Amino acid sequence: MVDGHKAFGWAAKDKSGVLSPFHFSRRHEIVGIATKVGKNVTKFKEGDRVGVGVIIGSCQSCESCNQDLENYCSKLVFTYNSRSSDGTRNQGGYSDVIVVDHRFVLRFPDGLPSDAGAPLLCAGITVYSPMKYYGMTEDSGKHLGVSGLGGLGHIAVKIGKAFGLRVTVISRSSEKEREAIDRLGADAFLVTTDSQKMKDAVGTMDFIMDTVSAEHSLLPLFSLLNVNGKLVMLGLPEKPLELPIFPLVSGRKMVGGSQIGGMKETQEMLEFCAKHNIVSDIELIKMSDINSAMDRLARSDVRYRFVIDVANSLSPA
């Protein structure tokens, strides 16, 4: 740990949300080179390529932490919009340096590019962990539906195919159909507004991962699940969704959720993605482009993640 490390980055300083250059002191904060390690750290050395994901701290003593599920610790510390146990505000990753407890640092595998690999630290583990927990990887050939083809959805397609699943993308329109099948490798594309195709697909899916964050009905998704099918919620709508009970009871179906993953599983996910050449589809931008990128993000105008080239962007005045 290096307390009071002086950093330079970009931050939103008022409610407008506009980001501008910012000098600050930081303790914590996603892929870069380790420039210094503590004297008691043996897992990493200077020059290693490492990453920091969504979390940078936990109690390290509760049941969740002891099971390598730090992401469910009641004292979880996020990389951004959070405070460490000493009260230090965590400023996120839009800066030139990061200082993090070595237990929350991940080794980036050889062959996994830093830019297109960085979003895996969030989107990758968010879809990888529930695939393992809910039994999607136990038998190849099972049918997975991915609702929503965005930052999470496109990674779910890639990882699902690598696990041997049959993957169908579920969407409101056919706009991304060719992209989903020809480039991402999905087996099929189902448009929810096509009543005949929805009828034909009733009861055909073993699992559905719902990555949609907008308000939407769950009933059409339940109809697609077979008996014992599982709907896993990953998107975070602002308003509560209505949960229809009858289709759950009549088909012995399940609804579950998942939040990122622990450090051990996140490292496992990175190794898996490196082995199977899985990366995020990204647009690499400079820090000076961040505000226009935020505007585009609000309009869902990105394929499928923005990644900031911090090393070639920041030049403190």
C-alpha atoms as a PDB file:
ATOM      1  CA  MET A   1       0.000   0.000   0.000  1.00  0.00           C
ATOM      2  CA  VAL A   2       1.194   3.495  -0.797  1.00  0.00           C
ATOM      3  CA  ASP A   3      -0.896   6.073   1.054  1.00  0.00           C
ATOM      4  CA  GLY A   4      -1.377   9.550  -0.315  1.00  0.00           C
ATOM      5  CA  HIS A   5      -0.095   8.715  -3.800  1.00  0.00           C
ATOM      6  CA  LYS A   6      -0.516  11.750  -6.022  1.00  0.00           C
ATOM      7  CA  ALA A   7      -2.506  10.989  -9.134  1.00  0.00           C
ATOM      8  CA  PHE A   8      -3.787  12.782 -12.201  1.00  0.00           C
ATOM      9  CA  GLY A   9      -6.996  11.853 -13.963  1.00  0.00           C
ATOM     10  CA  TRP A  10     -10.380  13.057 -15.165  1.00  0.00           C
ATOM     11  CA  ALA A  11     -13.449  13.375 -12.949  1.00  0.00           C
ATOM     12  CA  ALA A  12     -16.954  14.803 -12.804  1.00  0.00           C
ATOM     13  CA  LYS A  13     -16.729  17.639 -10.279  1.00  0.00           C
ATOM     14  CA  ASP A  14     -20.406  18.658 -10.205  1.00  0.00           C
ATOM     15  CA  LYS A  15     -23.901  17.379 -10.992  1.00  0.00           C
ATOM     16  CA  SER A  16     -23.528  18.150 -14.703  1.00  0.00           C
ATOM     17  CA  GLY A  17     -21.557  14.929 -15.111  1.00  0.00           C
ATOM     18  CA  VAL A  18     -19.019  16.605 -17.411  1.00  0.00           C
ATOM     19  CA  LEU A  19     -15.522  15.228 -16.830  1.00  0.00           C
ATOM     20  CA  SER A  20     -12.420  17.417 -16.671  1.00  0.00           C
ATOM     21  CA  PRO A  21      -8.749  17.114 -15.566  1.00  0.00           C
ATOM     22  CA  PHE A  22      -8.353  16.420 -11.848  1.00  0.00           C
ATOM     23  CA  HIS A  23      -5.339  16.202  -9.504  1.00  0.00           C
ATOM     24  CA  PHE A  24      -5.984  14.181  -6.357  1.00  0.00           C
ATOM     25  CA  SER A  25      -4.532  11.921  -3.656  1.00  0.00           C
ATOM     26  CA  ARG A  26      -5.514   8.292  -3.908  1.00  0.00           C
ATOM     27  CA  ARG A  27      -4.921   4.985  -2.195  1.00  0.00           C
ATOM     28  CA  HIS A  28      -6.880   2.621  -4.414  1.00  0.00           C
ATOM     29  CA  GLU A  29      -8.396   1.920  -7.697  1.00  0.00           C
ATOM     30  CA  ILE A  30      -7.713  -1.374 -14.703  1.00  0.00           C
ATOM     31  CA  VAL A  31      -5.197  -3.010 -16.733  1.00  0.00           C
ATOM     32  CA  GLY A  32      -1.618  -1.845 -16.674  1.00  0.00           C
ATOM     33  CA  ILE A  33       1.916  -2.586 -15.520  1.00  0.00           C
ATOM     34  CA  ALA A  34       2.861  -3.044 -11.865  1.00  0.00           C
ATOM     35  CA  THR A  35       5.375  -0.268 -11.155  1.00  0.00           C
ATOM     36  CA  LYS A  36       5.887  -0.960  -7.464  1.00  0.00           C
ATOM     37  CA  VAL A  37       4.977  -3.762  -5.029  1.00  0.00           C
ATOM     38  CA  GLY A  38       4.975  -3.939  -1.246  1.00  0.00           C
ATOM     39  CA  LYS A  39       7.856  -5.634   0.528  1.00  0.00           C
ATOM     40  CA  ASN A  40       5.654  -8.524   1.689  1.00  0.00           C
ATOM     41  CA  VAL A  41       4.035  -9.160  -1.706  1.00  0.00           C
ATOM     42  CA  THR A  42       5.253 -12.352  -3.387  1.00  0.00           C
ATOM     43  CA  LYS A  43       2.494 -12.918  -5.953  1.00  0.00           C
ATOM     44  CA  PHE A  44       3.503 -10.018  -8.194  1.00  0.00           C
ATOM     45  CA  LYS A  45       6.661  -8.227  -9.208  1.00  0.00           C
ATOM     46  CA  GLU A  46       7.443  -4.955 -10.921  1.00  0.00           C
ATOM     47  CA  GLY A  47       6.788  -5.194 -14.645  1.00  0.00           C
ATOM     48  CA  ASP A  48       3.932  -7.703 -14.385  1.00  0.00           C
ATOM     49  CA  ARG A  49       0.830  -6.956 -16.440  1.00  0.00           C
ATOM     50  CA  VAL A  50      -2.056  -6.829 -13.988  1.00  0.00           C
ATOM     51  CA  GLY A  51      -5.672  -5.789 -13.699  1.00  0.00           C
ATOM     52  CA  VAL A  52      -8.067  -4.396 -11.120  1.00  0.00           C
ATOM     53  CA  GLY A  53     -11.735  -5.172 -11.422  1.00  0.00           C
ATOM     54  CA  VAL A  54     -14.885  -3.958  -9.727  1.00  0.00           C
ATOM     55  CA  ILE A  55     -13.809  -4.626  -6.136  1.00  0.00           C
ATOM     56  CA  ILE A  56     -10.708  -3.653  -4.172  1.00  0.00           C
ATOM     57  CA  GLY A  57     -11.530  -4.695  -0.637  1.00  0.00           C
ATOM     58  CA  SER A  58     -13.553  -6.896   1.719  1.00  0.00           C
ATOM     59  CA  CYS A  59     -13.398  -7.986   5.362  1.00  0.00           C
ATOM     60  CA  GLN A  60     -11.374 -11.121   4.527  1.00  0.00           C
ATOM     61  CA  SER A  61     -12.877 -12.987   7.503  1.00  0.00           C
ATOM     62  CA  CYS A  62     -16.605 -13.640   6.895  1.00  0.00           C
ATOM     63  CA  GLU A  63     -18.143 -16.809   5.474  1.00  0.00           C
ATOM     64  CA  SER A  64     -18.329 -15.340   1.973  1.00  0.00           C
ATOM     65  CA  CYS A  65     -14.677 -14.255   1.993  1.00  0.00           C
ATOM     66  CA  ASN A  66     -13.582 -17.652   3.328  1.00  0.00           C
ATOM     67  CA  GLN A  67     -15.350 -19.269   0.366  1.00  0.00           C
ATOM     68  CA  ASP A  68     -13.585 -16.986  -2.162  1.00  0.00           C
ATOM     69  CA  LEU A  69     -16.826 -15.066  -2.616  1.00  0.00           C
ATOM     70  CA  GLU A  70     -15.529 -11.630  -1.670  1.00  0.00           C
ATOM     71  CA  ASN A  71     -18.113 -10.136  -4.022  1.00  0.00           C
ATOM     72  CA  TYR A  72     -20.844 -11.042  -1.511  1.00  0.00           C
ATOM     73  CA  CYS A  73     -19.042  -9.723   1.571  1.00  0.00           C
ATOM     74  CA  SER A  74     -21.191  -7.296   3.583  1.00  0.00           C
ATOM     75  CA  LYS A  75     -18.161  -5.007   3.856  1.00  0.00           C
ATOM     76  CA  LEU A  76     -17.338  -5.110   0.149  1.00  0.00           C
ATOM     77  CA  VAL A  77     -15.349  -2.122  -1.140  1.00  0.00           C
ATOM     78  CA  PHE A  78     -15.926  -1.141  -4.749  1.00  0.00           C
ATOM     79  CA  THR A  79     -13.290   0.387  -6.999  1.00  0.00           C
ATOM     80  CA  TYR A  80     -15.445   3.459  -7.533  1.00  0.00           C
ATOM     81  CA  ASN A  81     -18.237   5.339  -5.724  1.00  0.00           C
ATOM     82  CA  SER A  82     -17.127   3.711  -2.488  1.00  0.00           C
ATOM     83  CA  ARG A  83     -14.984   4.309   0.581  1.00  0.00           C
ATOM     84  CA  SER A  84     -12.280   2.109   2.083  1.00  0.00           C
ATOM     85  CA  SER A  85     -12.286   1.144   5.769  1.00  0.00           C
ATOM     86  CA  ASP A  86     -10.110   4.159   6.593  1.00  0.00           C
ATOM     87  CA  GLY A  87     -12.589   6.517   4.944  1.00  0.00           C
ATOM     88  CA  THR A  88     -10.577   7.064   1.768  1.00  0.00           C
ATOM     89  CA  ARG A  89     -12.827   7.730  -1.229  1.00  0.00           C
ATOM     90  CA  ASN A  90     -12.149   5.407  -4.145  1.00  0.00           C
ATOM     91  CA  GLN A  91     -11.967   7.414  -7.352  1.00  0.00           C
ATOM     92  CA  GLY A  92     -12.294   4.733 -10.014  1.00  0.00           C
ATOM     93  CA  GLY A  93      -9.908   4.107 -12.890  1.00  0.00           C
ATOM     94  CA  TYR A  94      -9.818   7.275 -14.963  1.00  0.00           C
ATOM     95  CA  SER A  95      -6.273   8.143 -13.893  1.00  0.00           C
ATOM     96  CA  ASP A  96      -2.600   7.394 -14.446  1.00  0.00           C
ATOM     97  CA  VAL A  97      -1.956   5.272 -11.340  1.00  0.00           C
ATOM     98  CA  ILE A  98      -3.704   2.842  -9.006  1.00  0.00           C
ATOM     99  CA  VAL A  99      -2.667   1.502  -5.606  1.00  0.00           C
ATOM    100  CA  VAL A 100      -4.454  -1.679  -4.514  1.00  0.00           C
ATOM    101  CA  ASP A 101      -4.211  -4.423  -1.906  1.00  0.00           C
ATOM    102  CA  HIS A 102      -2.455  -7.304  -3.703  1.00  0.00           C
ATOM    103  CA  ARG A 103      -5.307  -9.674  -2.818  1.00  0.00           C
ATOM    104  CA  PHE A 104      -7.535  -7.729  -5.210  1.00  0.00           C
ATOM    105  CA  VAL A 105      -5.104  -7.569  -8.110  1.00  0.00           C
ATOM    106  CA  LEU A 106      -5.364 -10.021 -11.009  1.00  0.00           C
ATOM    107  CA  ARG A 107      -2.634 -11.371 -13.242  1.00  0.00           C
ATOM    108  CA  PHE A 108      -3.319 -10.745 -16.916  1.00  0.00           C
ATOM    109  CA  PRO A 109      -2.520 -13.900 -18.929  1.00  0.00           C
ATOM    110  CA  ASP A 110      -0.145 -13.837 -21.868  1.00  0.00           C
ATOM    111  CA  GLY A 111      -2.020 -13.516 -25.127  1.00  0.00           C
ATOM    112  CA  LEU A 112      -4.917 -11.568 -23.637  1.00  0.00           C
ATOM    113  CA  PRO A 113      -4.715  -7.977 -24.947  1.00  0.00           C
ATOM    114  CA  SER A 114      -4.887  -5.236 -22.345  1.00  0.00           C
ATOM    115  CA  ASP A 115      -7.435  -3.071 -24.149  1.00  0.00           C
ATOM    116  CA  ALA A 116      -9.984  -5.645 -25.333  1.00  0.00           C
ATOM    117  CA  GLY A 117      -9.339  -7.781 -22.249  1.00  0.00           C
ATOM    118  CA  ALA A 118      -9.995  -5.036 -19.694  1.00  0.00           C
ATOM    119  CA  PRO A 119     -13.838  -5.182 -19.882  1.00  0.00           C
ATOM    120  CA  LEU A 120     -13.682  -8.869 -18.974  1.00  0.00           C
ATOM    121  CA  LEU A 121     -12.867  -7.749 -15.425  1.00  0.00           C
ATOM    122  CA  CYS A 122     -16.512  -6.640 -15.177  1.00  0.00           C
ATOM    123  CA  ALA A 123     -18.612  -8.016 -18.042  1.00  0.00           C
ATOM    124  CA  GLY A 124     -16.628 -11.232 -18.361  1.00  0.00           C
ATOM    125  CA  ILE A 125     -16.938 -12.348 -14.749  1.00  0.00           C
ATOM    126  CA  THR A 126     -20.543 -11.106 -14.571  1.00  0.00           C
ATOM    127  CA  VAL A 127     -21.594 -13.745 -17.125  1.00  0.00           C
ATOM    128  CA  TYR A 128     -18.939 -16.398 -16.368  1.00  0.00           C
ATOM    129  CA  SER A 129     -19.809 -16.793 -12.681  1.00  0.00           C
ATOM    130  CA  PRO A 130     -23.546 -17.575 -13.114  1.00  0.00           C
ATOM    131  CA  MET A 131     -22.775 -19.970 -15.959  1.00  0.00           C
ATOM    132  CA  LYS A 132     -20.707 -21.989 -13.488  1.00  0.00           C
ATOM    133  CA  TYR A 133     -22.998 -21.612 -10.481  1.00  0.00           C
ATOM    134  CA  TYR A 134     -26.290 -22.396 -12.216  1.00  0.00           C
ATOM    135  CA  GLY A 135     -24.957 -25.518 -13.941  1.00  0.00           C
ATOM    136  CA  MET A 136     -24.767 -24.236 -17.510  1.00  0.00           C
ATOM    137  CA  THR A 137     -21.311 -25.732 -18.010  1.00  0.00           C
ATOM    138  CA  GLU A 138     -22.058 -29.230 -16.727  1.00  0.00           C
ATOM    139  CA  ASP A 139     -23.451 -30.653 -19.983  1.00  0.00           C
ATOM    140  CA  SER A 140     -22.433 -29.369 -23.390  1.00  0.00           C
ATOM    141  CA  GLY A 141     -25.222 -28.878 -25.877  1.00  0.00           C
ATOM    142  CA  LYS A 142     -27.663 -27.260 -23.452  1.00  0.00           C
ATOM    143  CA  HIS A 143     -29.638 -24.336 -24.871  1.00  0.00           C
ATOM    144  CA  LEU A 144     -28.867 -20.852 -23.519  1.00  0.00           C
ATOM    145  CA  GLY A 145     -30.891 -17.780 -24.365  1.00  0.00           C
ATOM    146  CA  VAL A 146     -29.152 -14.399 -24.013  1.00  0.00           C
ATOM    147  CA  SER A 147     -31.633 -11.567 -23.651  1.00  0.00           C
ATOM    148  CA  GLY A 148     -30.089  -8.297 -24.779  1.00  0.00           C
ATOM    149  CA  LEU A 149     -27.019  -7.955 -26.985  1.00  0.00           C
ATOM    150  CA  GLY A 150     -24.916  -5.273 -25.339  1.00  0.00           C
ATOM    151  CA  GLY A 151     -21.822  -5.121 -23.165  1.00  0.00           C
ATOM    152  CA  LEU A 152     -22.829  -8.172 -21.123  1.00  0.00           C
ATOM    153  CA  GLY A 153     -24.779 -10.002 -23.804  1.00  0.00           C
ATOM    154  CA  HIS A 154     -22.060 -10.157 -26.459  1.00  0.00           C
ATOM    155  CA  ILE A 155     -19.602 -11.602 -23.923  1.00  0.00           C
ATOM    156  CA  ALA A 156     -22.236 -14.106 -22.750  1.00  0.00           C
ATOM    157  CA  VAL A 157     -22.548 -15.340 -26.341  1.00  0.00           C
ATOM    158  CA  LYS A 158     -18.786 -15.838 -26.683  1.00  0.00           C
ATOM    159  CA  ILE A 159     -18.270 -17.541 -23.323  1.00  0.00           C
ATOM    160  CA  GLY A 160     -21.397 -19.659 -23.732  1.00  0.00           C
ATOM    161  CA  LYS A 161     -20.184 -20.977 -27.082  1.00  0.00           C
ATOM    162  CA  ALA A 162     -16.750 -21.723 -25.574  1.00  0.00           C
ATOM    163  CA  PHE A 163     -18.507 -23.844 -22.925  1.00  0.00           C
ATOM    164  CA  GLY A 164     -20.252 -25.821 -25.670  1.00  0.00           C
ATOM    165  CA  LEU A 165     -23.710 -24.319 -25.235  1.00  0.00           C
ATOM    166  CA  ARG A 166     -26.205 -23.743 -28.024  1.00  0.00           C
ATOM    167  CA  VAL A 167     -26.805 -19.985 -27.854  1.00  0.00           C
ATOM    168  CA  THR A 168     -29.790 -17.976 -29.040  1.00  0.00           C
ATOM    169  CA  VAL A 169     -29.815 -14.189 -28.771  1.00  0.00           C
ATOM    170  CA  ILE A 170     -33.185 -12.745 -27.721  1.00  0.00           C
ATOM    171  CA  SER A 171     -33.891  -9.168 -28.811  1.00  0.00           C
ATOM    172  CA  ARG A 172     -36.733  -6.720 -29.494  1.00  0.00           C
ATOM    173  CA  SER A 173     -35.624  -6.160 -33.099  1.00  0.00           C
ATOM    174  CA  SER A 174     -33.644  -7.898 -35.830  1.00  0.00           C
ATOM    175  CA  GLU A 175     -31.123  -5.028 -36.051  1.00  0.00           C
ATOM    176  CA  LYS A 176     -28.220  -7.056 -34.635  1.00  0.00           C
ATOM    177  CA  GLU A 177     -29.150 -10.474 -36.053  1.00  0.00           C
ATOM    178  CA  ARG A 178     -26.379 -10.798 -38.625  1.00  0.00           C
ATOM    179  CA  GLU A 179     -23.824  -9.439 -36.201  1.00  0.00           C
ATOM    180  CA  ALA A 180     -24.874 -11.905 -33.515  1.00  0.00           C
ATOM    181  CA  ILE A 181     -24.693 -14.933 -35.807  1.00  0.00           C
ATOM    182  CA  ASP A 182     -21.947 -14.099 -38.300  1.00  0.00           C
ATOM    183  CA  ARG A 183     -19.485 -12.301 -36.026  1.00  0.00           C
ATOM    184  CA  LEU A 184     -20.227 -13.316 -32.449  1.00  0.00           C
ATOM    185  CA  GLY A 185     -21.054 -16.941 -33.239  1.00  0.00           C
ATOM    186  CA  ALA A 186     -24.620 -17.229 -31.914  1.00  0.00           C
ATOM    187  CA  ASP A 187     -26.576 -20.214 -33.232  1.00  0.00           C
ATOM    188  CA  ALA A 188     -29.867 -18.375 -33.612  1.00  0.00           C
ATOM    189  CA  PHE A 189     -31.571 -15.025 -33.153  1.00  0.00           C
ATOM    190  CA  LEU A 190     -35.073 -14.662 -31.746  1.00  0.00           C
ATOM    191  CA  VAL A 191     -37.071 -11.437 -32.135  1.00  0.00           C
ATOM    192  CA  THR A 192     -39.618 -11.082 -29.341  1.00  0.00           C
ATOM    193  CA  THR A 193     -42.025  -9.100 -31.536  1.00  0.00           C
ATOM    194  CA  ASP A 194     -42.282 -12.002 -34.010  1.00  0.00           C
ATOM    195  CA  SER A 195     -45.233 -13.867 -32.520  1.00  0.00           C
ATOM    196  CA  GLN A 196     -44.853 -16.960 -34.688  1.00  0.00           C
ATOM    197  CA  LYS A 197     -41.166 -17.460 -33.917  1.00  0.00           C
ATOM    198  CA  MET A 198     -41.820 -16.852 -30.227  1.00  0.00           C
ATOM    199  CA  LYS A 199     -44.555 -19.485 -30.334  1.00  0.00           C
ATOM    200  CA  ASP A 200     -42.215 -21.941 -32.052  1.00  0.00           C
ATOM    201  CA  ALA A 201     -39.557 -21.348 -29.380  1.00  0.00           C
ATOM    202  CA  VAL A 202     -41.809 -21.999 -26.363  1.00  0.00           C
ATOM    203  CA  GLY A 203     -40.216 -24.444 -23.928  1.00  0.00           C
ATOM    204  CA  THR A 204     -36.984 -24.856 -25.906  1.00  0.00           C
ATOM    205  CA  MET A 205     -34.406 -23.233 -23.618  1.00  0.00           C
ATOM    206  CA  ASP A 206     -32.648 -24.645 -20.563  1.00  0.00           C
ATOM    207  CA  PHE A 207     -31.296 -21.294 -19.369  1.00  0.00           C
ATOM    208  CA  ILE A 208     -31.810 -17.596 -20.078  1.00  0.00           C
ATOM    209  CA  MET A 209     -29.434 -14.851 -19.003  1.00  0.00           C
ATOM    210  CA  ASP A 210     -31.333 -11.558 -18.875  1.00  0.00           C
ATOM    211  CA  THR A 211     -28.835  -8.715 -19.387  1.00  0.00           C
ATOM    212  CA  VAL A 212     -31.444  -6.009 -20.097  1.00  0.00           C
ATOM    213  CA  SER A 213     -31.370  -2.999 -17.771  1.00  0.00           C
ATOM    214  CA  ALA A 214     -34.461  -1.279 -19.191  1.00  0.00           C
ATOM    215  CA  GLU A 215     -37.922  -1.977 -17.827  1.00  0.00           C
ATOM    216  CA  HIS A 216     -39.344  -5.070 -19.555  1.00  0.00           C
ATOM    217  CA  SER A 217     -41.742  -7.968 -19.119  1.00  0.00           C
ATOM    218  CA  LEU A 218     -40.407 -11.302 -17.870  1.00  0.00           C
ATOM    219  CA  LEU A 219     -43.396 -13.329 -19.019  1.00  0.00           C
ATOM    220  CA  PRO A 220     -42.137 -13.876 -22.606  1.00  0.00           C
ATOM    221  CA  LEU A 221     -38.839 -15.158 -21.223  1.00  0.00           C
ATOM    222  CA  PHE A 222     -40.536 -17.638 -18.890  1.00  0.00           C
ATOM    223  CA  SER A 223     -42.454 -19.051 -21.835  1.00  0.00           C
ATOM    224  CA  LEU A 224     -39.205 -19.876 -23.616  1.00  0.00           C
ATOM    225  CA  LEU A 225     -37.863 -21.956 -20.718  1.00  0.00           C
ATOM    226  CA  ASN A 226     -38.471 -25.682 -20.540  1.00  0.00           C
ATOM    227  CA  VAL A 227     -39.426 -27.547 -17.365  1.00  0.00           C
ATOM    228  CA  ASN A 228     -36.777 -26.874 -14.689  1.00  0.00           C
ATOM    229  CA  GLY A 229     -35.469 -23.967 -16.762  1.00  0.00           C
ATOM    230  CA  LYS A 230     -33.533 -21.165 -15.067  1.00  0.00           C
ATOM    231  CA  LEU A 231     -33.801 -17.426 -15.654  1.00  0.00           C
ATOM    232  CA  VAL A 232     -30.735 -15.568 -14.377  1.00  0.00           C
ATOM    233  CA  MET A 233     -31.062 -11.817 -13.892  1.00  0.00           C
ATOM    234  CA  LEU A 234     -27.944  -9.760 -14.627  1.00  0.00           C
ATOM    235  CA  GLY A 235     -29.314  -6.420 -15.833  1.00  0.00           C
ATOM    236  CA  LEU A 236     -30.200  -3.789 -13.260  1.00  0.00           C
ATOM    237  CA  PRO A 237     -33.449  -1.970 -14.171  1.00  0.00           C
ATOM    238  CA  GLU A 238     -34.127   1.191 -12.168  1.00  0.00           C
ATOM    239  CA  LYS A 239     -37.721   0.141 -11.408  1.00  0.00           C
ATOM    240  CA  PRO A 240     -38.835  -3.219  -9.948  1.00  0.00           C
ATOM    241  CA  LEU A 241     -40.002  -5.781 -12.487  1.00  0.00           C
ATOM    242  CA  GLU A 242     -43.237  -7.735 -12.165  1.00  0.00           C
ATOM    243  CA  LEU A 243     -42.630 -11.413 -11.384  1.00  0.00           C
ATOM    244  CA  PRO A 244     -45.350 -13.701 -12.813  1.00  0.00           C
ATOM    245  CA  ILE A 245     -45.740 -16.645 -10.443  1.00  0.00           C
ATOM    246  CA  PHE A 246     -47.955 -19.048 -12.410  1.00  0.00           C
ATOM    247  CA  PRO A 247     -45.351 -19.946 -15.087  1.00  0.00           C
ATOM    248  CA  LEU A 248     -42.784 -20.532 -12.336  1.00  0.00           C
ATOM    249  CA  VAL A 249     -45.008 -22.946 -10.479  1.00  0.00           C
ATOM    250  CA  SER A 250     -46.413 -24.736 -13.521  1.00  0.00           C
ATOM    251  CA  GLY A 251     -42.978 -25.412 -14.991  1.00  0.00           C
ATOM    252  CA  ARG A 252     -40.888 -25.769 -11.821  1.00  0.00           C
ATOM    253  CA  LYS A 253     -38.797 -22.911 -13.162  1.00  0.00           C
ATOM    254  CA  MET A 254     -36.337 -20.788 -11.225  1.00  0.00           C
ATOM    255  CA  VAL A 255     -35.312 -17.150 -11.113  1.00  0.00           C
ATOM    256  CA  GLY A 256     -31.907 -16.229  -9.759  1.00  0.00           C
ATOM    257  CA  GLY A 257     -29.337 -13.480  -9.866  1.00  0.00           C
ATOM    258  CA  SER A 258     -25.588 -12.998  -9.741  1.00  0.00           C
ATOM    259  CA  GLN A 259     -23.129 -10.204  -8.997  1.00  0.00           C
ATOM    260  CA  ILE A 260     -19.656 -10.329 -10.625  1.00  0.00           C
ATOM    261  CA  GLY A 261     -17.463 -12.972  -8.897  1.00  0.00           C
ATOM    262  CA  GLY A 262     -14.771 -13.542  -6.296  1.00  0.00           C
ATOM    263  CA  MET A 263     -11.077 -13.019  -6.982  1.00  0.00           C
ATOM    264  CA  LYS A 264     -10.258 -16.708  -7.490  1.00  0.00           C
ATOM    265  CA  GLU A 265     -13.073 -17.158  -9.997  1.00  0.00           C
ATOM    266  CA  THR A 266     -12.214 -13.913 -11.786  1.00  0.00           C
ATOM    267  CA  GLN A 267      -8.643 -15.119 -12.304  1.00  0.00           C
ATOM    268  CA  GLU A 268     -10.049 -18.424 -13.577  1.00  0.00           C
ATOM    269  CA  MET A 269     -12.254 -16.512 -16.008  1.00  0.00           C
ATOM    270  CA  LEU A 270      -9.285 -14.560 -17.386  1.00  0.00           C
ATOM    271  CA  GLU A 271      -7.348 -17.789 -17.982  1.00  0.00           C
ATOM    272  CA  PHE A 272     -10.392 -19.325 -19.686  1.00  0.00           C
ATOM    273  CA  CYS A 273     -10.836 -16.336 -21.978  1.00  0.00           C
ATOM    274  CA  ALA A 274      -7.141 -16.301 -22.860  1.00  0.00           C
ATOM    275  CA  LYS A 275      -7.300 -20.004 -23.740  1.00  0.00           C
ATOM    276  CA  HIS A 276     -10.361 -19.530 -25.967  1.00  0.00           C
ATOM    277  CA  ASN A 277      -9.326 -16.171 -27.485  1.00  0.00           C
ATOM    278  CA  ILE A 278     -12.315 -14.377 -25.968  1.00  0.00           C
ATOM    279  CA  VAL A 279     -12.142 -10.586 -25.722  1.00  0.00           C
ATOM    280  CA  SER A 280     -14.649  -7.767 -25.580  1.00  0.00           C
ATOM    281  CA  ASP A 281     -15.595  -5.863 -28.712  1.00  0.00           C
ATOM    282  CA  ILE A 282     -14.401  -2.348 -27.929  1.00  0.00           C
ATOM    283  CA  GLU A 283     -13.933   1.200 -29.140  1.00  0.00           C
ATOM    284  CA  LEU A 284     -10.584   2.541 -27.910  1.00  0.00           C
ATOM    285  CA  ILE A 285     -10.800   6.236 -27.068  1.00  0.00           C
ATOM    286  CA  LYS A 286      -8.601   8.976 -25.620  1.00  0.00           C
ATOM    287  CA  MET A 287      -9.458  10.607 -22.309  1.00  0.00           C
ATOM    288  CA  SER A 288     -10.362  13.828 -24.125  1.00  0.00           C
ATOM    289  CA  ASP A 289     -13.201  11.917 -25.820  1.00  0.00           C
ATOM    290  CA  ILE A 290     -14.764  10.778 -22.542  1.00  0.00           C
ATOM    291  CA  ASN A 291     -17.670  13.234 -22.438  1.00  0.00           C
ATOM    292  CA  SER A 292     -18.830  12.455 -25.980  1.00  0.00           C
ATOM    293  CA  ALA A 293     -18.439   8.764 -25.138  1.00  0.00           C
ATOM    294  CA  MET A 294     -20.680   9.237 -22.095  1.00  0.00           C
ATOM    295  CA  ASP A 295     -23.310  10.855 -24.305  1.00  0.00           C
ATOM    296  CA  ARG A 296     -23.120   7.978 -26.778  1.00  0.00           C
ATOM    297  CA  LEU A 297     -23.287   5.459 -23.936  1.00  0.00           C
ATOM    298  CA  ALA A 298     -26.542   6.997 -22.743  1.00  0.00           C
ATOM    299  CA  ARG A 299     -27.934   6.383 -26.250  1.00  0.00           C
ATOM    300  CA  SER A 300     -26.569   2.808 -26.359  1.00  0.00           C
ATOM    301  CA  ASP A 301     -24.400   3.908 -29.282  1.00  0.00           C
ATOM    302  CA  VAL A 302     -21.364   1.698 -28.701  1.00  0.00           C
ATOM    303  CA  ARG A 303     -20.221  -1.751 -29.849  1.00  0.00           C
ATOM    304  CA  TYR A 304     -19.908  -2.877 -27.094  1.00  0.00           C
ATOM    305  CA  ARG A 305     -17.556  -1.262 -24.598  1.00  0.00           C
ATOM    306  CA  PHE A 306     -15.574   1.969 -24.527  1.00  0.00           C
ATOM    307  CA  VAL A 307     -11.993   1.513 -23.311  1.00  0.00           C
ATOM    308  CA  ILE A 308      -9.913   4.555 -22.416  1.00  0.00           C
ATOM    309  CA  ASP A 309      -6.269   4.587 -23.518  1.00  0.00           C
ATOM    310  CA  VAL A 310      -5.106   6.311 -20.346  1.00  0.00           C
ATOM    311  CA  ALA A 311      -1.362   5.880 -20.910  1.00  0.00           C
ATOM    312  CA  ASN A 312      -1.502   7.829 -24.160  1.00  0.00           C
ATOM    313  CA  SER A 313      -4.083  10.363 -22.978  1.00  0.00           C
ATOM    314  CA  LEU A 314      -2.992  11.987 -19.764  1.00  0.00           C
ATOM    315  CA  SER A 315      -0.479  14.813 -19.656  1.00  0.00           C
ATOM    316  CA  PRO A 316      -0.645  16.726 -16.358  1.00  0.00           C
ATOM    317  CA  ALA A 317      -0.469  20.499 -16.794  1.00  0.00           C
END
